[in-house]
């Protein structure tokens, strides 16, 4: 995923438009422990929104 973000960012830079995905953003989603749906899958109260 990091390589895909790097390639996308570099290609977009050459084409002179803002990339939809950045290295920093992908790094956040890959490494952030809080960004997970595991808790909602384990707790039915969180899944229903109650």
Protein backbone atom coordinates (compact mmCIF):
# COMPACT_ATOMS: atom_id res chain seq x y z
CA UNK A 1 0.00 0.00 0.00
CA UNK A 2 2.84 2.38 0.77
CA UNK A 3 4.38 1.74 -2.64
CA UNK A 4 1.06 2.40 -4.37
CA UNK A 5 0.68 5.68 -2.51
CA UNK A 6 4.25 6.68 -3.43
CA UNK A 7 3.76 5.90 -7.12
CA UNK A 8 0.41 7.69 -7.20
CA UNK A 9 1.85 10.76 -5.51
CA UNK A 10 4.86 10.88 -7.87
CA UNK A 11 2.79 10.42 -11.03
CA UNK A 12 0.32 13.09 -9.97
CA UNK A 13 3.18 15.46 -9.22
CA UNK A 14 4.49 15.01 -12.78
CA UNK A 15 0.99 15.54 -14.21
CA UNK A 16 0.58 18.62 -11.96
CA UNK A 17 -2.55 17.80 -10.02
CA UNK A 18 -3.27 16.88 -6.42
CA UNK A 19 -3.05 13.16 -5.77
CA UNK A 20 -6.06 11.42 -4.21
CA UNK A 21 -3.75 9.50 -1.86
CA UNK A 22 -0.58 10.64 -0.12
CA UNK A 23 2.23 8.72 1.57
CA UNK A 24 1.43 10.36 4.91
CA UNK A 25 -2.27 9.56 4.68
CA UNK A 26 -1.62 5.92 3.79
CA UNK A 27 0.91 5.70 6.62
CA UNK A 28 -1.77 6.91 9.03
CA UNK A 29 -4.30 4.28 7.93
CA UNK A 30 -1.74 1.48 8.01
CA UNK A 31 -0.17 2.31 11.38
CA UNK A 32 -2.94 3.89 13.47
CA UNK A 33 -4.15 1.42 16.10
CA UNK A 34 -7.48 3.23 16.54
CA UNK A 35 -8.43 3.00 12.86
CA UNK A 36 -10.03 -0.43 12.98
CA UNK A 37 -13.50 -1.86 12.66
CA UNK A 38 -12.64 -4.75 15.00
CA UNK A 39 -14.27 -3.10 18.02
CA UNK A 40 -17.55 -2.51 16.20
CA UNK A 41 -17.60 -6.09 14.95
CA UNK A 42 -17.11 -7.44 18.48
CA UNK A 43 -19.65 -5.20 20.20
CA UNK A 44 -23.21 -5.35 18.81
CA UNK A 45 -24.17 -2.11 20.62
CA UNK A 46 -21.58 -0.16 18.63
CA UNK A 47 -22.68 -1.78 15.36
CA UNK A 48 -26.33 -0.75 15.83
CA UNK A 49 -25.47 2.80 16.87
CA UNK A 50 -27.31 2.64 20.22
